[in-house]
């Protein structure tokens, strides 16, 4: 049974992933509302962006803080 599901998922990866994402968005809209769902989506996007930047540049946050705060004030 599990092998059949895995084979089905592997053959229909994009369709299944799209359906799961649609289900999550639909449930979020029903239970949280439109504005809260947008805020959650923006937070997820910001976290994805920061995580991607940190993967390529380990000093990303330090560089941002150097631009915002006076040098050395956060260390």
PDB file of N, CA and C in Angstrom:
ATOM      1  N   UNK A   1       0.822  -1.198   0.000  1.00  0.00           N
ATOM      2  CA  UNK A   1       0.000   0.000   0.000  1.00  0.00           C
ATOM      3  C   UNK A   1       0.865   1.259   0.000  1.00  0.00           C
ATOM      4  N   UNK A   2       1.867   1.301   0.876  1.00  0.00           N
ATOM      5  CA  UNK A   2       2.738   2.461   0.952  1.00  0.00           C
ATOM      6  C   UNK A   2       3.574   2.610  -0.311  1.00  0.00           C
ATOM      7  N   UNK A   3       3.997   1.486  -0.874  1.00  0.00           N
ATOM      8  CA  UNK A   3       4.771   1.534  -2.124  1.00  0.00           C
ATOM      9  C   UNK A   3       3.932   2.078  -3.271  1.00  0.00           C
ATOM     10  N   UNK A   4       2.647   1.693  -3.309  1.00  0.00           N
ATOM     11  CA  UNK A   4       1.762   2.200  -4.351  1.00  0.00           C
ATOM     12  C   UNK A   4       1.599   3.713  -4.224  1.00  0.00           C
ATOM     13  N   UNK A   5       1.426   4.178  -2.991  1.00  0.00           N
ATOM     14  CA  UNK A   5       1.294   5.617  -2.772  1.00  0.00           C
ATOM     15  C   UNK A   5       2.574   6.345  -3.155  1.00  0.00           C
ATOM     16  N   UNK A   6       3.719   5.797  -2.777  1.00  0.00           N
ATOM     17  CA  UNK A   6       4.996   6.420  -3.120  1.00  0.00           C
ATOM     18  C   UNK A   6       5.182   6.470  -4.632  1.00  0.00           C
ATOM     19  N   UNK A   7       4.849   5.391  -5.324  1.00  0.00           N
ATOM     20  CA  UNK A   7       4.974   5.345  -6.780  1.00  0.00           C
ATOM     21  C   UNK A   7       4.025   6.370  -7.413  1.00  0.00           C
ATOM     22  N   UNK A   8       2.798   6.457  -6.895  1.00  0.00           N
ATOM     23  CA  UNK A   8       1.832   7.437  -7.397  1.00  0.00           C
ATOM     24  C   UNK A   8       2.349   8.852  -7.155  1.00  0.00           C
ATOM     25  N   UNK A   9       2.869   9.103  -5.952  1.00  0.00           N
ATOM     26  CA  UNK A   9       3.398  10.430  -5.630  1.00  0.00           C
ATOM     27  C   UNK A   9       4.587  10.767  -6.507  1.00  0.00           C
ATOM     28  N   UNK A  10       5.453   9.796  -6.735  1.00  0.00           N
ATOM     29  CA  UNK A  10       6.636  10.025  -7.571  1.00  0.00           C
ATOM     30  C   UNK A  10       6.232  10.328  -9.012  1.00  0.00           C
ATOM     31  N   UNK A  11       5.221   9.652  -9.533  1.00  0.00           N
ATOM     32  CA  UNK A  11       4.766   9.881 -10.902  1.00  0.00           C
ATOM     33  C   UNK A  11       3.983  11.180 -11.051  1.00  0.00           C
ATOM     34  N   UNK A  12       3.345  11.628  -9.973  1.00  0.00           N
ATOM     35  CA  UNK A  12       2.519  12.839 -10.009  1.00  0.00           C
ATOM     36  C   UNK A  12       3.016  13.845  -8.969  1.00  0.00           C
ATOM     37  N   UNK A  13       4.320  14.035  -8.908  1.00  0.00           N
ATOM     38  CA  UNK A  13       4.930  14.875  -7.873  1.00  0.00           C
ATOM     39  C   UNK A  13       4.382  16.304  -7.900  1.00  0.00           C
ATOM     40  N   UNK A  14       4.401  16.946  -9.070  1.00  0.00           N
ATOM     41  CA  UNK A  14       4.003  18.348  -9.145  1.00  0.00           C
ATOM     42  C   UNK A  14       2.502  18.523  -8.879  1.00  0.00           C
ATOM     43  N   UNK A  15       1.704  17.601  -9.367  1.00  0.00           N
ATOM     44  CA  UNK A  15       0.271  17.697  -9.116  1.00  0.00           C
ATOM     45  C   UNK A  15      -0.042  17.519  -7.639  1.00  0.00           C
ATOM     46  N   UNK A  16       0.593  16.549  -7.005  1.00  0.00           N
ATOM     47  CA  UNK A  16       0.352  16.300  -5.577  1.00  0.00           C
ATOM     48  C   UNK A  16       0.872  17.455  -4.731  1.00  0.00           C
ATOM     49  N   UNK A  17       2.043  17.970  -5.055  1.00  0.00           N
ATOM     50  CA  UNK A  17       2.602  19.090  -4.305  1.00  0.00           C
ATOM     51  C   UNK A  17       1.712  20.318  -4.452  1.00  0.00           C
ATOM     52  N   UNK A  18       1.238  20.584  -5.657  1.00  0.00           N
ATOM     53  CA  UNK A  18       0.318  21.702  -5.879  1.00  0.00           C
ATOM     54  C   UNK A  18      -0.976  21.539  -5.115  1.00  0.00           C
ATOM     55  N   UNK A  19      -1.492  20.315  -5.080  1.00  0.00           N
ATOM     56  CA  UNK A  19      -2.724  20.063  -4.337  1.00  0.00           C
ATOM     57  C   UNK A  19      -2.527  20.274  -2.839  1.00  0.00           C
ATOM     58  N   UNK A  20      -1.399  19.838  -2.316  1.00  0.00           N
ATOM     59  CA  UNK A  20      -1.113  20.011  -0.889  1.00  0.00           C
ATOM     60  C   UNK A  20      -0.960  21.492  -0.550  1.00  0.00           C
ATOM     61  N   UNK A  21      -0.254  22.231  -1.403  1.00  0.00           N
ATOM     62  CA  UNK A  21      -0.098  23.672  -1.175  1.00  0.00           C
ATOM     63  C   UNK A  21      -1.457  24.366  -1.247  1.00  0.00           C
ATOM     64  N   UNK A  22      -2.275  23.981  -2.226  1.00  0.00           N
ATOM     65  CA  UNK A  22      -3.623  24.546  -2.334  1.00  0.00           C
ATOM     66  C   UNK A  22      -4.468  24.254  -1.112  1.00  0.00           C
ATOM     67  N   UNK A  23      -4.352  23.035  -0.593  1.00  0.00           N
ATOM     68  CA  UNK A  23      -5.080  22.675   0.621  1.00  0.00           C
ATOM     69  C   UNK A  23      -4.628  23.528   1.798  1.00  0.00           C
ATOM     70  N   UNK A  24      -3.349  23.710   1.954  1.00  0.00           N
ATOM     71  CA  UNK A  24      -2.833  24.525   3.061  1.00  0.00           C
ATOM     72  C   UNK A  24      -3.302  25.964   2.938  1.00  0.00           C
ATOM     73  N   UNK A  25      -3.244  26.525   1.720  1.00  0.00           N
ATOM     74  CA  UNK A  25      -3.691  27.905   1.522  1.00  0.00           C
ATOM     75  C   UNK A  25      -5.202  28.019   1.776  1.00  0.00           C
ATOM     76  N   UNK A  26      -5.958  27.060   1.277  1.00  0.00           N
ATOM     77  CA  UNK A  26      -7.407  27.088   1.496  1.00  0.00           C
ATOM     78  C   UNK A  26      -7.773  27.005   2.966  1.00  0.00           C
ATOM     79  N   UNK A  27      -7.142  26.098   3.688  1.00  0.00           N
ATOM     80  CA  UNK A  27      -7.419  25.989   5.123  1.00  0.00           C
ATOM     81  C   UNK A  27      -6.993  27.242   5.872  1.00  0.00           C
ATOM     82  N   UNK A  28      -5.874  27.837   5.451  1.00  0.00           N
ATOM     83  CA  UNK A  28      -5.428  29.077   6.089  1.00  0.00           C
ATOM     84  C   UNK A  28      -6.442  30.187   5.874  1.00  0.00           C
ATOM     85  N   UNK A  29      -6.966  30.291   4.667  1.00  0.00           N
ATOM     86  CA  UNK A  29      -7.967  31.323   4.394  1.00  0.00           C
ATOM     87  C   UNK A  29      -9.233  31.115   5.216  1.00  0.00           C
ATOM     88  N   UNK A  30      -9.642  29.867   5.367  1.00  0.00           N
ATOM     89  CA  UNK A  30     -10.866  29.587   6.126  1.00  0.00           C
ATOM     90  C   UNK A  30     -10.663  29.856   7.609  1.00  0.00           C
ATOM     91  N   UNK A  31      -9.563  29.379   8.171  1.00  0.00           N
ATOM     92  CA  UNK A  31      -9.387  29.469   9.625  1.00  0.00           C
ATOM     93  C   UNK A  31      -8.736  30.768  10.095  1.00  0.00           C
ATOM     94  N   UNK A  32      -7.873  31.374   9.264  1.00  0.00           N
ATOM     95  CA  UNK A  32      -7.178  32.583   9.690  1.00  0.00           C
ATOM     96  C   UNK A  32      -7.768  33.851   9.098  1.00  0.00           C
ATOM     97  N   UNK A  33      -8.312  33.761   7.912  1.00  0.00           N
ATOM     98  CA  UNK A  33      -8.803  34.939   7.208  1.00  0.00           C
ATOM     99  C   UNK A  33      -7.778  35.392   6.184  1.00  0.00           C
ATOM    100  N   UNK A  34      -8.199  36.316   5.336  1.00  0.00           N
ATOM    101  CA  UNK A  34      -7.355  36.745   4.220  1.00  0.00           C
ATOM    102  C   UNK A  34      -6.121  37.506   4.715  1.00  0.00           C
ATOM    103  N   UNK A  35      -6.316  38.487   5.559  1.00  0.00           N
ATOM    104  CA  UNK A  35      -5.202  39.323   6.005  1.00  0.00           C
ATOM    105  C   UNK A  35      -4.172  38.511   6.784  1.00  0.00           C
ATOM    106  N   UNK A  36      -4.608  37.676   7.692  1.00  0.00           N
ATOM    107  CA  UNK A  36      -3.672  36.855   8.461  1.00  0.00           C
ATOM    108  C   UNK A  36      -2.934  35.864   7.572  1.00  0.00           C
ATOM    109  N   UNK A  37      -3.614  35.323   6.563  1.00  0.00           N
ATOM    110  CA  UNK A  37      -2.960  34.407   5.638  1.00  0.00           C
ATOM    111  C   UNK A  37      -1.881  35.138   4.849  1.00  0.00           C
ATOM    112  N   UNK A  38      -2.159  36.366   4.429  1.00  0.00           N
ATOM    113  CA  UNK A  38      -1.150  37.152   3.710  1.00  0.00           C
ATOM    114  C   UNK A  38       0.038  37.440   4.611  1.00  0.00           C
ATOM    115  N   UNK A  39      -0.211  37.778   5.866  1.00  0.00           N
ATOM    116  CA  UNK A  39       0.883  38.054   6.808  1.00  0.00           C
ATOM    117  C   UNK A  39       1.726  36.807   7.029  1.00  0.00           C
ATOM    118  N   UNK A  40       1.091  35.649   7.192  1.00  0.00           N
ATOM    119  CA  UNK A  40       1.831  34.395   7.367  1.00  0.00           C
ATOM    120  C   UNK A  40       2.664  34.100   6.122  1.00  0.00           C
ATOM    121  N   UNK A  41       2.090  34.306   4.930  1.00  0.00           N
ATOM    122  CA  UNK A  41       2.817  34.068   3.685  1.00  0.00           C
ATOM    123  C   UNK A  41       4.017  34.998   3.559  1.00  0.00           C
ATOM    124  N   UNK A  42       3.862  36.252   3.961  1.00  0.00           N
ATOM    125  CA  UNK A  42       4.984  37.197   3.923  1.00  0.00           C
ATOM    126  C   UNK A  42       6.088  36.793   4.903  1.00  0.00           C
ATOM    127  N   UNK A  43       5.699  36.314   6.081  1.00  0.00           N
ATOM    128  CA  UNK A  43       6.689  35.851   7.054  1.00  0.00           C
ATOM    129  C   UNK A  43       7.437  34.625   6.540  1.00  0.00           C
ATOM    130  N   UNK A  44       6.718  33.728   5.899  1.00  0.00           N
ATOM    131  CA  UNK A  44       7.363  32.547   5.323  1.00  0.00           C
ATOM    132  C   UNK A  44       8.331  32.972   4.221  1.00  0.00           C
ATOM    133  N   UNK A  45       7.905  33.904   3.384  1.00  0.00           N
ATOM    134  CA  UNK A  45       8.779  34.402   2.313  1.00  0.00           C
ATOM    135  C   UNK A  45      10.016  35.095   2.856  1.00  0.00           C
ATOM    136  N   UNK A  46       9.847  35.902   3.905  1.00  0.00           N
ATOM    137  CA  UNK A  46      10.997  36.572   4.514  1.00  0.00           C
ATOM    138  C   UNK A  46      11.956  35.558   5.130  1.00  0.00           C
ATOM    139  N   UNK A  47      11.409  34.540   5.788  1.00  0.00           N
ATOM    140  CA  UNK A  47      12.260  33.499   6.365  1.00  0.00           C
ATOM    141  C   UNK A  47      13.000  32.720   5.302  1.00  0.00           C
ATOM    142  N   UNK A  48      12.335  32.442   4.189  1.00  0.00           N
ATOM    143  CA  UNK A  48      12.981  31.755   3.077  1.00  0.00           C
ATOM    144  C   UNK A  48      14.104  32.604   2.497  1.00  0.00           C
ATOM    145  N   UNK A  49      13.842  33.893   2.323  1.00  0.00           N
ATOM    146  CA  UNK A  49      14.861  34.808   1.791  1.00  0.00           C
ATOM    147  C   UNK A  49      16.073  34.888   2.711  1.00  0.00           C
ATOM    148  N   UNK A  50      15.843  35.060   4.003  1.00  0.00           N
ATOM    149  CA  UNK A  50      16.947  35.170   4.958  1.00  0.00           C
ATOM    150  C   UNK A  50      17.718  33.856   5.034  1.00  0.00           C
ATOM    151  N   UNK A  51      17.015  32.738   5.042  1.00  0.00           N
ATOM    152  CA  UNK A  51      17.684  31.443   5.075  1.00  0.00           C
ATOM    153  C   UNK A  51      18.538  31.199   3.850  1.00  0.00           C
ATOM    154  N   UNK A  52      18.028  31.612   2.691  1.00  0.00           N
ATOM    155  CA  UNK A  52      18.789  31.454   1.448  1.00  0.00           C
ATOM    156  C   UNK A  52      20.041  32.330   1.462  1.00  0.00           C
ATOM    157  N   UNK A  53      19.907  33.555   1.955  1.00  0.00           N
ATOM    158  CA  UNK A  53      21.057  34.452   2.046  1.00  0.00           C
ATOM    159  C   UNK A  53      22.086  33.932   3.053  1.00  0.00           C
ATOM    160  N   UNK A  54      21.614  33.397   4.183  1.00  0.00           N
ATOM    161  CA  UNK A  54      22.533  32.869   5.190  1.00  0.00           C
ATOM    162  C   UNK A  54      23.281  31.641   4.681  1.00  0.00           C
ATOM    163  N   UNK A  55      22.652  30.872   3.829  1.00  0.00           N
ATOM    164  CA  UNK A  55      23.313  29.697   3.267  1.00  0.00           C
ATOM    165  C   UNK A  55      24.485  30.106   2.392  1.00  0.00           C
ATOM    166  N   UNK A  56      24.326  31.197   1.633  1.00  0.00           N
ATOM    167  CA  UNK A  56      25.401  31.628   0.742  1.00  0.00           C
ATOM    168  C   UNK A  56      26.390  32.574   1.422  1.00  0.00           C
ATOM    169  N   UNK A  57      25.940  33.330   2.420  1.00  0.00           N
ATOM    170  CA  UNK A  57      26.811  34.308   3.093  1.00  0.00           C
ATOM    171  C   UNK A  57      26.573  34.201   4.599  1.00  0.00           C
ATOM    172  N   UNK A  58      27.529  33.620   5.319  1.00  0.00           N
ATOM    173  CA  UNK A  58      27.358  33.405   6.759  1.00  0.00           C
ATOM    174  C   UNK A  58      27.320  34.719   7.546  1.00  0.00           C
ATOM    175  N   UNK A  59      27.851  35.784   6.999  1.00  0.00           N
ATOM    176  CA  UNK A  59      27.889  37.081   7.689  1.00  0.00           C
ATOM    177  C   UNK A  59      26.791  38.026   7.208  1.00  0.00           C
ATOM    178  N   UNK A  60      25.739  37.492   6.612  1.00  0.00           N
ATOM    179  CA  UNK A  60      24.672  38.316   6.053  1.00  0.00           C
ATOM    180  C   UNK A  60      24.030  39.206   7.113  1.00  0.00           C
ATOM    181  N   UNK A  61      23.673  38.640   8.243  1.00  0.00           N
ATOM    182  CA  UNK A  61      23.002  39.422   9.295  1.00  0.00           C
ATOM    183  C   UNK A  61      23.951  40.454   9.891  1.00  0.00           C
ATOM    184  N   UNK A  62      25.212  40.076  10.070  1.00  0.00           N
ATOM    185  CA  UNK A  62      26.197  41.044  10.589  1.00  0.00           C
ATOM    186  C   UNK A  62      26.371  42.209   9.622  1.00  0.00           C
ATOM    187  N   UNK A  63      26.395  41.915   8.330  1.00  0.00           N
ATOM    188  CA  UNK A  63      26.527  42.978   7.334  1.00  0.00           C
ATOM    189  C   UNK A  63      25.310  43.899   7.337  1.00  0.00           C
ATOM    190  N   UNK A  64      24.136  43.336   7.484  1.00  0.00           N
ATOM    191  CA  UNK A  64      22.913  44.153   7.554  1.00  0.00           C
ATOM    192  C   UNK A  64      22.949  45.032   8.804  1.00  0.00           C
ATOM    193  N   UNK A  65      23.338  44.443   9.937  1.00  0.00           N
ATOM    194  CA  UNK A  65      23.409  45.224  11.179  1.00  0.00           C
ATOM    195  C   UNK A  65      24.466  46.314  11.095  1.00  0.00           C
ATOM    196  N   UNK A  66      25.566  46.060  10.388  1.00  0.00           N
ATOM    197  CA  UNK A  66      26.585  47.097  10.202  1.00  0.00           C
ATOM    198  C   UNK A  66      26.042  48.274   9.402  1.00  0.00           C
ATOM    199  N   UNK A  67      25.154  48.003   8.453  1.00  0.00           N
ATOM    200  CA  UNK A  67      24.564  49.084   7.662  1.00  0.00           C
ATOM    201  C   UNK A  67      23.539  49.871   8.470  1.00  0.00           C
ATOM    202  N   UNK A  68      22.812  49.201   9.372  1.00  0.00           N
ATOM    203  CA  UNK A  68      21.736  49.853  10.118  1.00  0.00           C
ATOM    204  C   UNK A  68      22.271  50.541  11.383  1.00  0.00           C
ATOM    205  N   UNK A  69      23.051  49.805  12.159  1.00  0.00           N
ATOM    206  CA  UNK A  69      23.547  50.305  13.451  1.00  0.00           C
ATOM    207  C   UNK A  69      24.970  50.844  13.313  1.00  0.00           C
ATOM    208  N   UNK A  70      25.406  51.638  14.270  1.00  0.00           N
ATOM    209  CA  UNK A  70      26.811  52.058  14.264  1.00  0.00           C
ATOM    210  C   UNK A  70      27.703  50.829  14.383  1.00  0.00           C
ATOM    211  N   UNK A  71      28.844  50.815  13.687  1.00  0.00           N
ATOM    212  CA  UNK A  71      29.726  49.633  13.711  1.00  0.00           C
ATOM    213  C   UNK A  71      30.124  49.228  15.116  1.00  0.00           C
ATOM    214  N   UNK A  72      30.015  47.956  15.414  1.00  0.00           N
ATOM    215  CA  UNK A  72      30.440  47.405  16.682  1.00  0.00           C
ATOM    216  C   UNK A  72      29.438  47.527  17.819  1.00  0.00           C
ATOM    217  N   UNK A  73      28.282  48.130  17.594  1.00  0.00           N
ATOM    218  CA  UNK A  73      27.354  48.348  18.703  1.00  0.00           C
ATOM    219  C   UNK A  73      26.552  47.101  19.065  1.00  0.00           C
ATOM    220  N   UNK A  74      26.490  46.113  18.219  1.00  0.00           N
ATOM    221  CA  UNK A  74      25.714  44.915  18.500  1.00  0.00           C
ATOM    222  C   UNK A  74      26.570  43.734  18.918  1.00  0.00           C
ATOM    223  N   UNK A  75      27.864  43.851  18.875  1.00  0.00           N
ATOM    224  CA  UNK A  75      28.754  42.722  19.213  1.00  0.00           C
ATOM    225  C   UNK A  75      29.148  42.740  20.661  1.00  0.00           C
TER     226      UNK A  75
END
